[in-house]
C-alpha atoms as a PDB file:
ATOM      1  CA  MET A   1     114.848  71.744   5.990  1.00  0.00           C
ATOM      2  CA  TRP A   2     117.871  71.811   8.290  1.00  0.00           C
ATOM      3  CA  VAL A   3     116.942  75.311   9.374  1.00  0.00           C
ATOM      4  CA  GLU A   4     113.459  74.072  10.326  1.00  0.00           C
ATOM      5  CA  ILE A   5     114.916  71.158  12.290  1.00  0.00           C
ATOM      6  CA  LEU A   6     117.331  73.450  14.142  1.00  0.00           C
ATOM      7  CA  CYS A   7     114.538  75.914  14.985  1.00  0.00           C
ATOM      8  CA  GLY A   8     112.397  73.017  16.154  1.00  0.00           C
ATOM      9  CA  LEU A   9     115.113  71.756  18.524  1.00  0.00           C
ATOM     10  CA  VAL A  10     115.634  75.254  19.944  1.00  0.00           C
ATOM     11  CA  ALA A  11     111.895  75.641  20.465  1.00  0.00           C
ATOM     12  CA  TYR A  12     111.778  72.211  22.157  1.00  0.00           C
ATOM     13  CA  LYS A  13     114.518  73.234  24.599  1.00  0.00           C
ATOM     14  CA  ILE A  14     112.740  76.487  25.416  1.00  0.00           C
ATOM     15  CA  ILE A  15     109.379  74.774  25.935  1.00  0.00           C
ATOM     16  CA  ARG A  16     110.897  72.016  28.045  1.00  0.00           C
ATOM     17  CA  ARG A  17     112.748  74.466  30.278  1.00  0.00           C
ATOM     18  CA  PHE A  18     110.046  77.026  30.841  1.00  0.00           C
ATOM     19  CA  PHE A  19     106.903  74.888  30.885  1.00  0.00           C
ATOM     20  CA  PHE A  20     107.984  71.574  32.411  1.00  0.00           C
ATOM     21  CA  ASP A  21     111.096  71.882  34.574  1.00  0.00           C
ATOM     22  CA  GLY A  22     109.864  74.694  36.787  1.00  0.00           C
ATOM     23  CA  ASP A  23     106.337  73.523  37.598  1.00  0.00           C
ATOM     24  CA  ASP A  24     107.318  71.296  40.503  1.00  0.00           C
ATOM     25  CA  ASP A  25     110.179  73.289  41.983  1.00  0.00           C
ATOM     26  CA  PRO A  26     110.090  72.217  45.641  1.00  0.00           C
ATOM     27  CA  SER A  27     112.574  74.839  46.862  1.00  0.00           C
ATOM     28  CA  TYR A  28     109.878  76.853  48.609  1.00  0.00           C
ATOM     29  CA  LEU A  29     109.214  73.797  50.797  1.00  0.00           C
ATOM     30  CA  ALA A  30     112.836  73.518  51.946  1.00  0.00           C
ATOM     31  CA  ASP A  31     112.072  74.931  55.404  1.00  0.00           C
ATOM     32  CA  LEU A  32     109.001  72.733  55.901  1.00  0.00           C
ATOM     33  CA  ASP A  33     109.538  70.253  58.742  1.00  0.00           C
ATOM     34  CA  SER A  34     107.404  67.214  58.001  1.00  0.00           C
ATOM     35  CA  SER A  35     109.621  64.751  59.873  1.00  0.00           C
ATOM     36  CA  HIS A  36     107.160  63.944  62.667  1.00  0.00           C
ATOM     37  CA  SER A  37     104.208  63.422  60.340  1.00  0.00           C
ATOM     38  CA  ASP A  38     106.361  61.319  58.000  1.00  0.00           C
ATOM     39  CA  LEU A  39     107.482  59.192  60.963  1.00  0.00           C
ATOM     40  CA  CYS A  40     103.900  58.646  62.091  1.00  0.00           C
ATOM     41  CA  PHE A  41     102.883  57.276  58.697  1.00  0.00           C
ATOM     42  CA  ALA A  42     106.084  55.196  58.388  1.00  0.00           C
ATOM     43  CA  VAL A  43     105.576  53.629  61.828  1.00  0.00           C
ATOM     44  CA  ALA A  44     101.891  53.007  61.079  1.00  0.00           C
ATOM     45  CA  ALA A  45     102.705  51.299  57.767  1.00  0.00           C
ATOM     46  CA  ARG A  46     105.228  48.975  59.436  1.00  0.00           C
ATOM     47  CA  LEU A  47     102.890  48.055  62.286  1.00  0.00           C
ATOM     48  CA  GLU A  48     100.088  47.241  59.851  1.00  0.00           C
ATOM     49  CA  LYS A  49     102.407  45.031  57.847  1.00  0.00           C
ATOM     50  CA  LEU A  50     103.764  43.207  60.913  1.00  0.00           C
ATOM     51  CA  TYR A  51     100.485  42.567  62.705  1.00  0.00           C
ATOM     52  CA  ALA A  52      97.932  42.519  59.886  1.00  0.00           C
ATOM     53  CA  GLY A  53      96.077  45.222  61.781  1.00  0.00           C
ATOM     54  CA  ARG A  54      94.847  48.669  60.929  1.00  0.00           C
ATOM     55  CA  CYS A  55      96.384  51.970  62.015  1.00  0.00           C
ATOM     56  CA  PHE A  56      94.739  55.351  62.505  1.00  0.00           C
ATOM     57  CA  VAL A  57      97.128  58.315  62.340  1.00  0.00           C
ATOM     58  CA  GLY A  58      96.659  61.730  63.905  1.00  0.00           C
ATOM     59  CA  LEU A  59      93.542  61.138  65.984  1.00  0.00           C
ATOM     60  CA  ARG A  60      92.188  64.033  68.085  1.00  0.00           C
ATOM     61  CA  ILE A  61      90.206  62.427  70.867  1.00  0.00           C
ATOM     62  CA  PRO A  62      87.972  64.715  73.003  1.00  0.00           C
ATOM     63  CA  ASP A  63      89.078  64.963  76.631  1.00  0.00           C
ATOM     64  CA  PRO A  64      86.219  66.245  78.837  1.00  0.00           C
ATOM     65  CA  ASP A  65      88.530  66.826  81.811  1.00  0.00           C
ATOM     66  CA  ALA A  66      90.977  68.988  79.860  1.00  0.00           C
ATOM     67  CA  GLY A  67      88.239  70.631  77.811  1.00  0.00           C
ATOM     68  CA  GLU A  68      90.148  70.031  74.581  1.00  0.00           C
ATOM     69  CA  ARG A  69      91.088  67.314  72.120  1.00  0.00           C
ATOM     70  CA  GLN A  70      94.145  65.157  72.766  1.00  0.00           C
ATOM     71  CA  HIS A  71      96.466  64.289  69.878  1.00  0.00           C
ATOM     72  CA  ILE A  72      97.438  60.635  69.357  1.00  0.00           C
ATOM     73  CA  ASP A  73     100.218  59.819  66.895  1.00  0.00           C
ATOM     74  CA  VAL A  74      99.080  56.291  65.979  1.00  0.00           C
ATOM     75  CA  VAL A  75      96.403  53.847  67.142  1.00  0.00           C
ATOM     76  CA  LEU A  76      96.932  50.231  66.048  1.00  0.00           C
ATOM     77  CA  VAL A  77      93.907  47.904  66.094  1.00  0.00           C
ATOM     78  CA  THR A  78      94.483  44.147  65.842  1.00  0.00           C
ATOM     79  CA  LYS A  79      92.302  41.153  66.638  1.00  0.00           C
ATOM     80  CA  ARG A  80      93.724  41.024  70.177  1.00  0.00           C
ATOM     81  CA  GLU A  81      94.222  44.598  71.350  1.00  0.00           C
ATOM     82  CA  VAL A  82      94.269  48.317  70.675  1.00  0.00           C
ATOM     83  CA  MET A  83      97.656  49.977  70.978  1.00  0.00           C
ATOM     84  CA  VAL A  84      98.192  53.724  71.480  1.00  0.00           C
ATOM     85  CA  VAL A  85     101.619  54.635  70.071  1.00  0.00           C
ATOM     86  CA  ALA A  86     103.509  57.836  70.926  1.00  0.00           C
ATOM     87  CA  ILE A  87     106.469  58.487  68.608  1.00  0.00           C
ATOM     88  CA  LYS A  88     109.414  60.460  70.011  1.00  0.00           C
ATOM     89  CA  ASN A  89     112.122  61.308  67.486  1.00  0.00           C
ATOM     90  CA  PHE A  90     114.704  62.234  70.122  1.00  0.00           C
ATOM     91  CA  SER A  91     118.410  62.387  69.357  1.00  0.00           C
ATOM     92  CA  GLY A  92     121.353  62.282  71.743  1.00  0.00           C
ATOM     93  CA  PHE A  93     121.485  61.216  75.370  1.00  0.00           C
ATOM     94  CA  ILE A  94     118.069  61.111  77.063  1.00  0.00           C
ATOM     95  CA  GLU A  95     117.660  60.820  80.814  1.00  0.00           C
ATOM     96  CA  ALA A  96     114.809  60.947  83.309  1.00  0.00           C
ATOM     97  CA  ASP A  97     114.767  63.104  86.439  1.00  0.00           C
ATOM     98  CA  LYS A  98     113.348  62.153  89.827  1.00  0.00           C
ATOM     99  CA  ASP A  99     109.848  63.234  88.721  1.00  0.00           C
ATOM    100  CA  GLY A 100     109.987  61.013  85.638  1.00  0.00           C
ATOM    101  CA  ASN A 101     110.311  63.877  83.151  1.00  0.00           C
ATOM    102  CA  TRP A 102     112.765  63.347  80.297  1.00  0.00           C
ATOM    103  CA  SER A 103     115.491  65.776  79.241  1.00  0.00           C
ATOM    104  CA  CYS A 104     117.144  65.785  75.834  1.00  0.00           C
ATOM    105  CA  PRO A 105     119.663  68.025  73.995  1.00  0.00           C
ATOM    106  CA  THR A 106     118.519  70.966  71.899  1.00  0.00           C
ATOM    107  CA  ASP A 107     120.143  72.840  69.028  1.00  0.00           C
ATOM    108  CA  LYS A 108     121.471  75.364  71.524  1.00  0.00           C
ATOM    109  CA  LYS A 109     124.706  74.484  73.267  1.00  0.00           C
ATOM    110  CA  ARG A 110     124.377  73.173  76.808  1.00  0.00           C
ATOM    111  CA  LYS A 111     120.617  73.598  76.704  1.00  0.00           C
ATOM    112  CA  GLN A 112     118.310  70.737  77.646  1.00  0.00           C
ATOM    113  CA  GLU A 113     114.650  70.423  76.698  1.00  0.00           C
ATOM    114  CA  ILE A 114     112.415  69.064  79.433  1.00  0.00           C
ATOM    115  CA  ILE A 115     109.764  66.658  78.142  1.00  0.00           C
ATOM    116  CA  PRO A 116     106.830  65.703  80.404  1.00  0.00           C
ATOM    117  CA  ASN A 117     107.060  61.976  81.150  1.00  0.00           C
ATOM    118  CA  PRO A 118     106.079  60.358  77.790  1.00  0.00           C
ATOM    119  CA  VAL A 119     105.110  57.062  79.452  1.00  0.00           C
ATOM    120  CA  LEU A 120     102.754  58.844  81.813  1.00  0.00           C
ATOM    121  CA  GLU A 121     101.355  60.871  78.924  1.00  0.00           C
ATOM    122  CA  VAL A 122     100.676  57.830  76.725  1.00  0.00           C
ATOM    123  CA  ASN A 123      98.961  56.065  79.640  1.00  0.00           C
ATOM    124  CA  ARG A 124      96.684  59.087  80.028  1.00  0.00           C
ATOM    125  CA  LEU A 125      95.866  58.833  76.325  1.00  0.00           C
ATOM    126  CA  VAL A 126      94.951  55.168  76.852  1.00  0.00           C
ATOM    127  CA  VAL A 127      92.464  56.102  79.571  1.00  0.00           C
ATOM    128  CA  ASN A 128      91.060  58.897  77.431  1.00  0.00           C
ATOM    129  CA  LEU A 129      90.681  56.660  74.381  1.00  0.00           C
ATOM    130  CA  GLN A 130      88.995  53.916  76.408  1.00  0.00           C
ATOM    131  CA  SER A 131      86.499  56.420  77.793  1.00  0.00           C
ATOM    132  CA  TYR A 132      85.823  57.798  74.310  1.00  0.00           C
ATOM    133  CA  LEU A 133      85.232  54.323  72.850  1.00  0.00           C
ATOM    134  CA  GLU A 134      82.831  53.461  75.676  1.00  0.00           C
ATOM    135  CA  GLN A 135      80.863  56.633  74.996  1.00  0.00           C
ATOM    136  CA  ARG A 136      80.488  55.506  71.394  1.00  0.00           C
ATOM    137  CA  GLY A 137      79.370  52.022  72.314  1.00  0.00           C
ATOM    138  CA  ALA A 138      82.607  50.029  72.243  1.00  0.00           C
ATOM    139  CA  LYS A 139      83.455  48.778  75.720  1.00  0.00           C
ATOM    140  CA  LEU A 140      86.630  46.683  75.815  1.00  0.00           C
ATOM    141  CA  PRO A 141      87.867  44.568  78.750  1.00  0.00           C
ATOM    142  CA  ASP A 142      90.532  46.125  80.969  1.00  0.00           C
ATOM    143  CA  GLY A 143      94.007  45.665  79.543  1.00  0.00           C
ATOM    144  CA  HIS A 144      92.896  45.456  75.907  1.00  0.00           C
ATOM    145  CA  ILE A 145      94.070  49.023  75.258  1.00  0.00           C
ATOM    146  CA  ILE A 146      97.785  49.537  75.893  1.00  0.00           C
ATOM    147  CA  GLY A 147     100.159  52.475  75.474  1.00  0.00           C
ATOM    148  CA  ARG A 148     103.687  52.396  74.045  1.00  0.00           C
ATOM    149  CA  VAL A 149     106.425  54.949  73.401  1.00  0.00           C
ATOM    150  CA  VAL A 150     108.551  54.304  70.298  1.00  0.00           C
ATOM    151  CA  LEU A 151     112.050  55.815  69.948  1.00  0.00           C
ATOM    152  CA  PRO A 152     112.838  55.249  66.225  1.00  0.00           C
ATOM    153  CA  ASN A 153     115.899  57.513  65.959  1.00  0.00           C
ATOM    154  CA  PRO A 154     119.186  55.531  65.733  1.00  0.00           C
ATOM    155  CA  ASN A 155     121.004  58.427  67.420  1.00  0.00           C
ATOM    156  CA  CYS A 156     118.814  58.274  70.529  1.00  0.00           C
ATOM    157  CA  ARG A 157     120.698  57.040  73.625  1.00  0.00           C
ATOM    158  CA  PRO A 158     118.256  56.691  76.536  1.00  0.00           C
ATOM    159  CA  SER A 159     119.471  56.241  80.097  1.00  0.00           C
ATOM    160  CA  TYR A 160     119.079  52.938  81.906  1.00  0.00           C
ATOM    161  CA  ASN A 161     116.049  54.048  83.936  1.00  0.00           C
ATOM    162  CA  ILE A 162     114.261  54.845  80.663  1.00  0.00           C
ATOM    163  CA  SER A 163     115.412  51.729  78.802  1.00  0.00           C
ATOM    164  CA  ILE A 164     114.062  49.296  81.385  1.00  0.00           C
ATOM    165  CA  GLN A 165     110.513  50.604  81.218  1.00  0.00           C
ATOM    166  CA  PRO A 166     108.363  47.989  79.399  1.00  0.00           C
ATOM    167  CA  GLU A 167     106.274  50.691  77.697  1.00  0.00           C
ATOM    168  CA  VAL A 168     109.360  52.086  75.920  1.00  0.00           C
ATOM    169  CA  MET A 169     110.556  50.638  72.620  1.00  0.00           C
ATOM    170  CA  LEU A 170     114.185  51.446  71.830  1.00  0.00           C
ATOM    171  CA  TYR A 171     115.618  51.851  68.329  1.00  0.00           C
ATOM    172  CA  ASP A 172     117.244  48.406  68.302  1.00  0.00           C
ATOM    173  CA  GLN A 173     113.975  46.809  69.343  1.00  0.00           C
ATOM    174  CA  TRP A 174     112.090  48.717  66.656  1.00  0.00           C
ATOM    175  CA  LYS A 175     114.673  47.813  63.999  1.00  0.00           C
ATOM    176  CA  ASP A 176     114.596  44.091  64.870  1.00  0.00           C
ATOM    177  CA  LEU A 177     110.845  43.914  65.418  1.00  0.00           C
ATOM    178  CA  LYS A 178     109.394  40.744  63.956  1.00  0.00           C
ATOM    179  CA  THR A 179     106.108  38.911  64.183  1.00  0.00           C
ATOM    180  CA  ASP A 180     105.777  35.661  66.082  1.00  0.00           C
ATOM    181  CA  SER A 181     104.250  33.337  63.460  1.00  0.00           C
ATOM    182  CA  LYS A 182     102.288  31.407  66.110  1.00  0.00           C
ATOM    183  CA  SER A 183     100.726  34.236  68.069  1.00  0.00           C
ATOM    184  CA  GLY A 184     100.982  37.065  65.551  1.00  0.00           C
ATOM    185  CA  LEU A 185     102.649  39.225  68.193  1.00  0.00           C
ATOM    186  CA  SER A 186     106.229  40.372  68.730  1.00  0.00           C
ATOM    187  CA  THR A 187     108.131  39.379  71.869  1.00  0.00           C
ATOM    188  CA  TRP A 188     108.192  43.066  72.794  1.00  0.00           C
ATOM    189  CA  ILE A 189     104.413  43.305  72.737  1.00  0.00           C
ATOM    190  CA  LYS A 190     103.829  39.902  74.356  1.00  0.00           C
ATOM    191  CA  GLY A 191     106.155  40.786  77.204  1.00  0.00           C
ATOM    192  CA  ALA A 192     104.097  43.844  78.019  1.00  0.00           C
ATOM    193  CA  PHE A 193     100.835  41.971  78.388  1.00  0.00           C
ATOM    194  CA  THR A 194      99.418  40.619  81.608  1.00  0.00           C
ATOM    195  CA  GLY A 195      97.383  37.470  81.260  1.00  0.00           C
ATOM    196  CA  SER A 196      96.063  36.053  78.008  1.00  0.00           C
ATOM    197  CA  LYS A 197      93.778  37.680  75.473  1.00  0.00           C
ATOM    198  CA  SER A 198      91.460  36.011  73.022  1.00  0.00           C
ATOM    199  CA  ASP A 199      90.708  37.366  69.571  1.00  0.00           C
ATOM    200  CA  MET A 200      87.960  39.941  69.327  1.00  0.00           C
ATOM    201  CA  GLN A 201      84.789  39.033  67.526  1.00  0.00           C
ATOM    202  CA  ASP A 202      84.532  40.347  63.963  1.00  0.00           C
ATOM    203  CA  SER A 203      81.570  42.523  64.924  1.00  0.00           C
ATOM    204  CA  VAL A 204      83.587  44.172  67.712  1.00  0.00           C
ATOM    205  CA  LEU A 205      86.538  44.721  65.367  1.00  0.00           C
ATOM    206  CA  GLN A 206      84.333  46.236  62.684  1.00  0.00           C
ATOM    207  CA  ASN A 207      82.727  48.511  65.249  1.00  0.00           C
ATOM    208  CA  LEU A 208      86.161  49.739  66.382  1.00  0.00           C
ATOM    209  CA  HIS A 209      87.182  50.444  62.798  1.00  0.00           C
ATOM    210  CA  SER A 210      83.948  52.332  62.177  1.00  0.00           C
ATOM    211  CA  ILE A 211      84.300  54.438  65.327  1.00  0.00           C
ATOM    212  CA  LEU A 212      87.966  55.334  64.807  1.00  0.00           C
ATOM    213  CA  SER A 213      87.593  56.045  61.089  1.00  0.00           C
ATOM    214  CA  THR A 214      84.869  58.603  61.879  1.00  0.00           C
ATOM    215  CA  SER A 215      86.633  60.077  64.917  1.00  0.00           C
ATOM    216  CA  PRO A 216      88.118  63.583  64.853  1.00  0.00           C
ATOM    217  CA  MET A 217      91.594  63.579  63.358  1.00  0.00           C
ATOM    218  CA  TRP A 218      94.045  65.967  61.768  1.00  0.00           C
ATOM    219  CA  ASP A 219      93.797  66.700  58.065  1.00  0.00           C
ATOM    220  CA  ARG A 220      96.537  65.153  55.933  1.00  0.00           C
ATOM    221  CA  LEU A 221      98.427  66.974  53.183  1.00  0.00           C
ATOM    222  CA  GLU A 222     100.478  64.680  50.934  1.00  0.00           C
ATOM    223  CA  LEU A 223     103.184  66.538  49.020  1.00  0.00           C
ATOM    224  CA  LYS A 224     105.570  65.621  46.253  1.00  0.00           C
ATOM    225  CA  GLY A 225     108.972  64.537  47.520  1.00  0.00           C
ATOM    226  CA  ASP A 226     107.487  61.965  49.944  1.00  0.00           C
ATOM    227  CA  LYS A 227     106.342  64.566  52.456  1.00  0.00           C
ATOM    228  CA  ASN A 228     103.254  64.207  54.650  1.00  0.00           C
ATOM    229  CA  VAL A 229     101.923  67.037  56.768  1.00  0.00           C
ATOM    230  CA  LEU A 230      99.298  66.677  59.490  1.00  0.00           C
ATOM    231  CA  GLY A 231      97.408  69.794  60.457  1.00  0.00           C
ATOM    232  CA  GLU A 232      94.319  71.761  59.510  1.00  0.00           C
ATOM    233  CA  PHE A 233      93.156  72.705  56.023  1.00  0.00           C
ATOM    234  CA  ILE A 234      91.961  76.324  56.083  1.00  0.00           C
ATOM    235  CA  GLU A 235      91.044  77.485  52.573  1.00  0.00           C
ATOM    236  CA  PHE A 236      92.020  77.923  48.918  1.00  0.00           C
ATOM    237  CA  LYS A 237      93.668  81.065  47.547  1.00  0.00           C
ATOM    238  CA  GLY A 238      93.586  82.017  43.895  1.00  0.00           C
ATOM    239  CA  ARG A 239      91.640  83.694  41.131  1.00  0.00           C
ATOM    240  CA  HIS A 240      87.993  84.422  41.783  1.00  0.00           C
ATOM    241  CA  GLU A 241      86.705  82.086  39.067  1.00  0.00           C
ATOM    242  CA  ASP A 242      88.788  79.200  40.437  1.00  0.00           C
ATOM    243  CA  ILE A 243      87.672  79.827  44.018  1.00  0.00           C
ATOM    244  CA  GLN A 244      84.057  79.702  42.819  1.00  0.00           C
ATOM    245  CA  LEU A 245      84.732  76.271  41.303  1.00  0.00           C
ATOM    246  CA  LEU A 246      86.320  75.110  44.561  1.00  0.00           C
ATOM    247  CA  LYS A 247      83.589  76.356  46.884  1.00  0.00           C
ATOM    248  CA  ASN A 248      82.063  72.872  47.198  1.00  0.00           C
ATOM    249  CA  LEU A 249      85.329  71.347  48.435  1.00  0.00           C
ATOM    250  CA  LYS A 250      84.423  71.738  52.113  1.00  0.00           C
ATOM    251  CA  ARG A 251      85.073  69.162  54.819  1.00  0.00           C
ATOM    252  CA  SER A 252      81.335  68.792  55.397  1.00  0.00           C
ATOM    253  CA  LYS A 253      80.920  67.658  51.782  1.00  0.00           C
ATOM    254  CA  VAL A 254      84.279  66.167  50.750  1.00  0.00           C
ATOM    255  CA  SER A 255      86.536  63.621  52.448  1.00  0.00           C
ATOM    256  CA  ARG A 256      89.481  63.618  50.036  1.00  0.00           C
ATOM    257  CA  PHE A 257      90.728  65.198  46.840  1.00  0.00           C
ATOM    258  CA  ILE A 258      93.617  64.316  44.525  1.00  0.00           C
ATOM    259  CA  ILE A 259      95.637  66.675  42.328  1.00  0.00           C
ATOM    260  CA  GLN A 260      96.568  65.644  38.798  1.00  0.00           C
ATOM    261  CA  LYS A 261      98.421  67.562  36.110  1.00  0.00           C
ATOM    262  CA  SER A 262      97.085  68.285  32.666  1.00  0.00           C
ATOM    263  CA  THR A 263      98.619  66.899  29.481  1.00  0.00           C
ATOM    264  CA  LEU A 264      99.277  68.795  26.296  1.00  0.00           C
ATOM    265  CA  PHE A 265      96.145  67.504  24.679  1.00  0.00           C
ATOM    266  CA  GLY A 266      93.511  68.632  27.160  1.00  0.00           C
ATOM    267  CA  GLY A 267      93.464  65.387  29.104  1.00  0.00           C
ATOM    268  CA  PHE A 268      95.223  64.636  32.373  1.00  0.00           C
ATOM    269  CA  GLY A 269      97.901  62.172  33.310  1.00  0.00           C
ATOM    270  CA  LYS A 270     101.440  61.443  32.147  1.00  0.00           C
ATOM    271  CA  PHE A 271     102.900  63.688  29.453  1.00  0.00           C
ATOM    272  CA  TYR A 272     105.495  62.435  26.988  1.00  0.00           C
ATOM    273  CA  GLU A 273     107.992  65.091  25.903  1.00  0.00           C
ATOM    274  CA  PRO A 274     108.615  63.549  22.439  1.00  0.00           C
ATOM    275  CA  SER A 275     105.127  64.705  21.513  1.00  0.00           C
ATOM    276  CA  ILE A 276     106.504  68.267  21.512  1.00  0.00           C
ATOM    277  CA  LEU A 277     108.842  67.358  18.667  1.00  0.00           C
ATOM    278  CA  VAL A 278     106.025  65.644  16.788  1.00  0.00           C
ATOM    279  CA  ILE A 279     104.020  68.864  16.908  1.00  0.00           C
ATOM    280  CA  LEU A 280     106.965  71.061  15.987  1.00  0.00           C
ATOM    281  CA  PHE A 281     107.957  68.902  13.028  1.00  0.00           C
ATOM    282  CA  ALA A 282     104.427  68.163  11.858  1.00  0.00           C
ATOM    283  CA  GLY A 283     104.791  70.513   8.921  1.00  0.00           C
ATOM    284  CA  HIS A 284     104.079  74.036   7.887  1.00  0.00           C
ATOM    285  CA  ASP A 285     100.380  73.773   8.774  1.00  0.00           C
ATOM    286  CA  LEU A 286     101.110  74.230  12.496  1.00  0.00           C
ATOM    287  CA  HIS A 287     102.382  77.656  13.414  1.00  0.00           C
ATOM    288  CA  LEU A 288     104.842  77.837  16.332  1.00  0.00           C
ATOM    289  CA  ASN A 289     102.846  80.554  18.099  1.00  0.00           C
ATOM    290  CA  PHE A 290      99.776  78.336  18.008  1.00  0.00           C
ATOM    291  CA  VAL A 291     101.762  75.436  19.463  1.00  0.00           C
ATOM    292  CA  LEU A 292     103.114  77.615  22.261  1.00  0.00           C
ATOM    293  CA  ARG A 293      99.640  78.889  23.148  1.00  0.00           C
ATOM    294  CA  PHE A 294      98.314  75.341  23.077  1.00  0.00           C
ATOM    295  CA  ILE A 295     101.016  74.132  25.460  1.00  0.00           C
ATOM    296  CA  VAL A 296     100.721  77.046  27.870  1.00  0.00           C
ATOM    297  CA  GLN A 297      96.956  76.647  28.118  1.00  0.00           C
ATOM    298  CA  GLY A 298      97.233  72.888  28.677  1.00  0.00           C
ATOM    299  CA  ARG A 299      99.953  73.122  31.302  1.00  0.00           C
ATOM    300  CA  SER A 300      98.519  76.049  33.243  1.00  0.00           C
ATOM    301  CA  ARG A 301      95.692  74.024  34.759  1.00  0.00           C
ATOM    302  CA  VAL A 302      95.412  71.043  37.082  1.00  0.00           C
ATOM    303  CA  GLN A 303      92.626  68.573  37.570  1.00  0.00           C
ATOM    304  CA  ILE A 304      91.188  67.960  41.033  1.00  0.00           C
ATOM    305  CA  LEU A 305      89.461  64.638  41.638  1.00  0.00           C
ATOM    306  CA  TYR A 306      87.294  64.629  44.755  1.00  0.00           C
ATOM    307  CA  SER A 307      84.972  62.209  46.506  1.00  0.00           C
ATOM    308  CA  PRO A 308      81.756  63.323  48.238  1.00  0.00           C
ATOM    309  CA  ARG A 309      81.773  62.457  51.922  1.00  0.00           C
ATOM    310  CA  ASP A 310      79.693  59.438  52.866  1.00  0.00           C
ATOM    311  CA  TYR A 311      79.092  59.138  56.609  1.00  0.00           C
ATOM    312  CA  ARG A 312      77.457  55.726  56.161  1.00  0.00           C
ATOM    313  CA  ALA A 313      80.423  53.852  54.703  1.00  0.00           C
ATOM    314  CA  GLU A 314      84.221  53.812  54.724  1.00  0.00           C
ATOM    315  CA  GLY A 315      86.200  54.453  51.564  1.00  0.00           C
ATOM    316  CA  THR A 316      85.077  55.687  48.174  1.00  0.00           C
ATOM    317  CA  SER A 317      84.417  53.745  44.988  1.00  0.00           C
ATOM    318  CA  SER A 318      86.017  54.919  41.763  1.00  0.00           C
ATOM    319  CA  SER A 319      82.586  55.683  40.299  1.00  0.00           C
ATOM    320  CA  GLU A 320      82.019  58.351  42.961  1.00  0.00           C
ATOM    321  CA  TRP A 321      84.961  60.552  41.982  1.00  0.00           C
ATOM    322  CA  LYS A 322      84.111  63.932  40.480  1.00  0.00           C
ATOM    323  CA  GLU A 323      86.468  66.416  38.886  1.00  0.00           C
ATOM    324  CA  ILE A 324      87.104  70.114  38.357  1.00  0.00           C
ATOM    325  CA  SER A 325      89.918  72.004  36.624  1.00  0.00           C
ATOM    326  CA  VAL A 326      91.646  75.130  38.001  1.00  0.00           C
ATOM    327  CA  LYS A 327      94.854  77.117  37.555  1.00  0.00           C
ATOM    328  CA  GLN A 328      97.884  75.203  38.797  1.00  0.00           C
ATOM    329  CA  TYR A 329      99.108  78.161  40.866  1.00  0.00           C
ATOM    330  CA  THR A 330      95.993  78.111  43.021  1.00  0.00           C
ATOM    331  CA  GLU A 331      97.168  77.653  46.623  1.00  0.00           C
ATOM    332  CA  ILE A 332      96.082  75.646  49.655  1.00  0.00           C
ATOM    333  CA  VAL A 333      96.287  77.448  53.001  1.00  0.00           C
ATOM    334  CA  PHE A 334      97.216  74.926  55.702  1.00  0.00           C
ATOM    335  CA  GLN A 335      98.144  75.080  59.388  1.00  0.00           C
ATOM    336  CA  PRO A 336     100.747  72.337  60.076  1.00  0.00           C
ATOM    337  CA  LEU A 337     100.652  70.484  63.380  1.00  0.00           C
ATOM    338  CA  HIS A 338     103.160  71.775  65.994  1.00  0.00           C
ATOM    339  CA  SER A 339     103.744  74.962  63.974  1.00  0.00           C
ATOM    340  CA  LYS A 340     102.651  78.518  64.662  1.00  0.00           C
ATOM    341  CA  LYS A 341     103.109  79.469  61.027  1.00  0.00           C
ATOM    342  CA  VAL A 342     100.299  79.095  58.480  1.00  0.00           C
ATOM    343  CA  ARG A 343     101.660  77.804  55.163  1.00  0.00           C
ATOM    344  CA  LYS A 344     100.580  78.151  51.545  1.00  0.00           C
ATOM    345  CA  PHE A 345     101.113  75.251  49.141  1.00  0.00           C
ATOM    346  CA  LYS A 346     100.779  75.433  45.363  1.00  0.00           C
ATOM    347  CA  LEU A 347      98.430  72.839  43.952  1.00  0.00           C
ATOM    348  CA  SER A 348     101.216  71.788  41.570  1.00  0.00           C
ATOM    349  CA  SER A 349     103.233  70.543  44.585  1.00  0.00           C
ATOM    350  CA  VAL A 350     100.330  68.665  46.213  1.00  0.00           C
ATOM    351  CA  ILE A 351      99.413  65.017  45.606  1.00  0.00           C
ATOM    352  CA  SER A 352      96.307  64.715  47.785  1.00  0.00           C
ATOM    353  CA  VAL A 353      94.437  66.187  50.749  1.00  0.00           C
ATOM    354  CA  THR A 354      92.413  64.136  53.236  1.00  0.00           C
ATOM    355  CA  LEU A 355      89.900  66.071  55.342  1.00  0.00           C
ATOM    356  CA  SER A 356      88.600  65.024  58.735  1.00  0.00           C
ATOM    357  CA  ALA A 357      84.860  65.095  59.270  1.00  0.00           C
END
């Protein structure tokens, strides 16, 4: 009996090490820079909480003059205004030259990076967004769309001629940002307005939400380890039979899919390691080789839940989710924003993917 118990414990250690500890090894993502995308979603979440509004992250608004789409970090929609937010994660001393361009330190010694005037750029995005909304039937009064530049890095030290610009929000202002209980606006935002604004009608607000939620935007890849990556989903890579199962997961048909791991018993969800010992000590009727095969087969696949795209409504009800099962080492090929390098991500390291229309 003691020999059986000892063999069972050894087998448990082997199974735990080789089939559970290594599945989610994030080391291959160590060089992935998701800081800007993570900041965009963090800023958006805080703005929504403060102003009871709704944020849209990673919009790509068509610009007829430039002949290309313009990226917008965050658009906040409240009952009173639409705010275009540009997030600049600068560190070190920042100063503006006579042309209004900003310069900031780089990783190279004594080298400065020249940044085209962010205030001017965000104001151009405001004009572009207003034109786009008008084309889609949402004409807002002048001044209802504003542009702001947020500097959320505590190590950013902007010069005086940058700090005094009302469109710029410094780290201390961002850290201490609070809502005025009477107006629902912060003193920073109120100070940037000219004149008074009344609340938008519910129909206008709903129309804005509908337009922006169906506007072009970057795809979102949510990874384990609290990483978010904006960019473009390209394709799946893997075994032929798995790729055949995944052929319907196209942006024209699917808006989002979620990755879940399998359990030992053929289902999906949370796995409890003590169940290994239960199997191993269940008696002589269960052979160890059978148990090992059972575990390997269960853990080698992941479940993908996906929702068919519905252009008529926002969101997806739980009853609409469908599912398929593929090998966990199937990969997602993704082009991150601001990167020249195409990346491959194992499905076992992915939480969800949101696809733009």
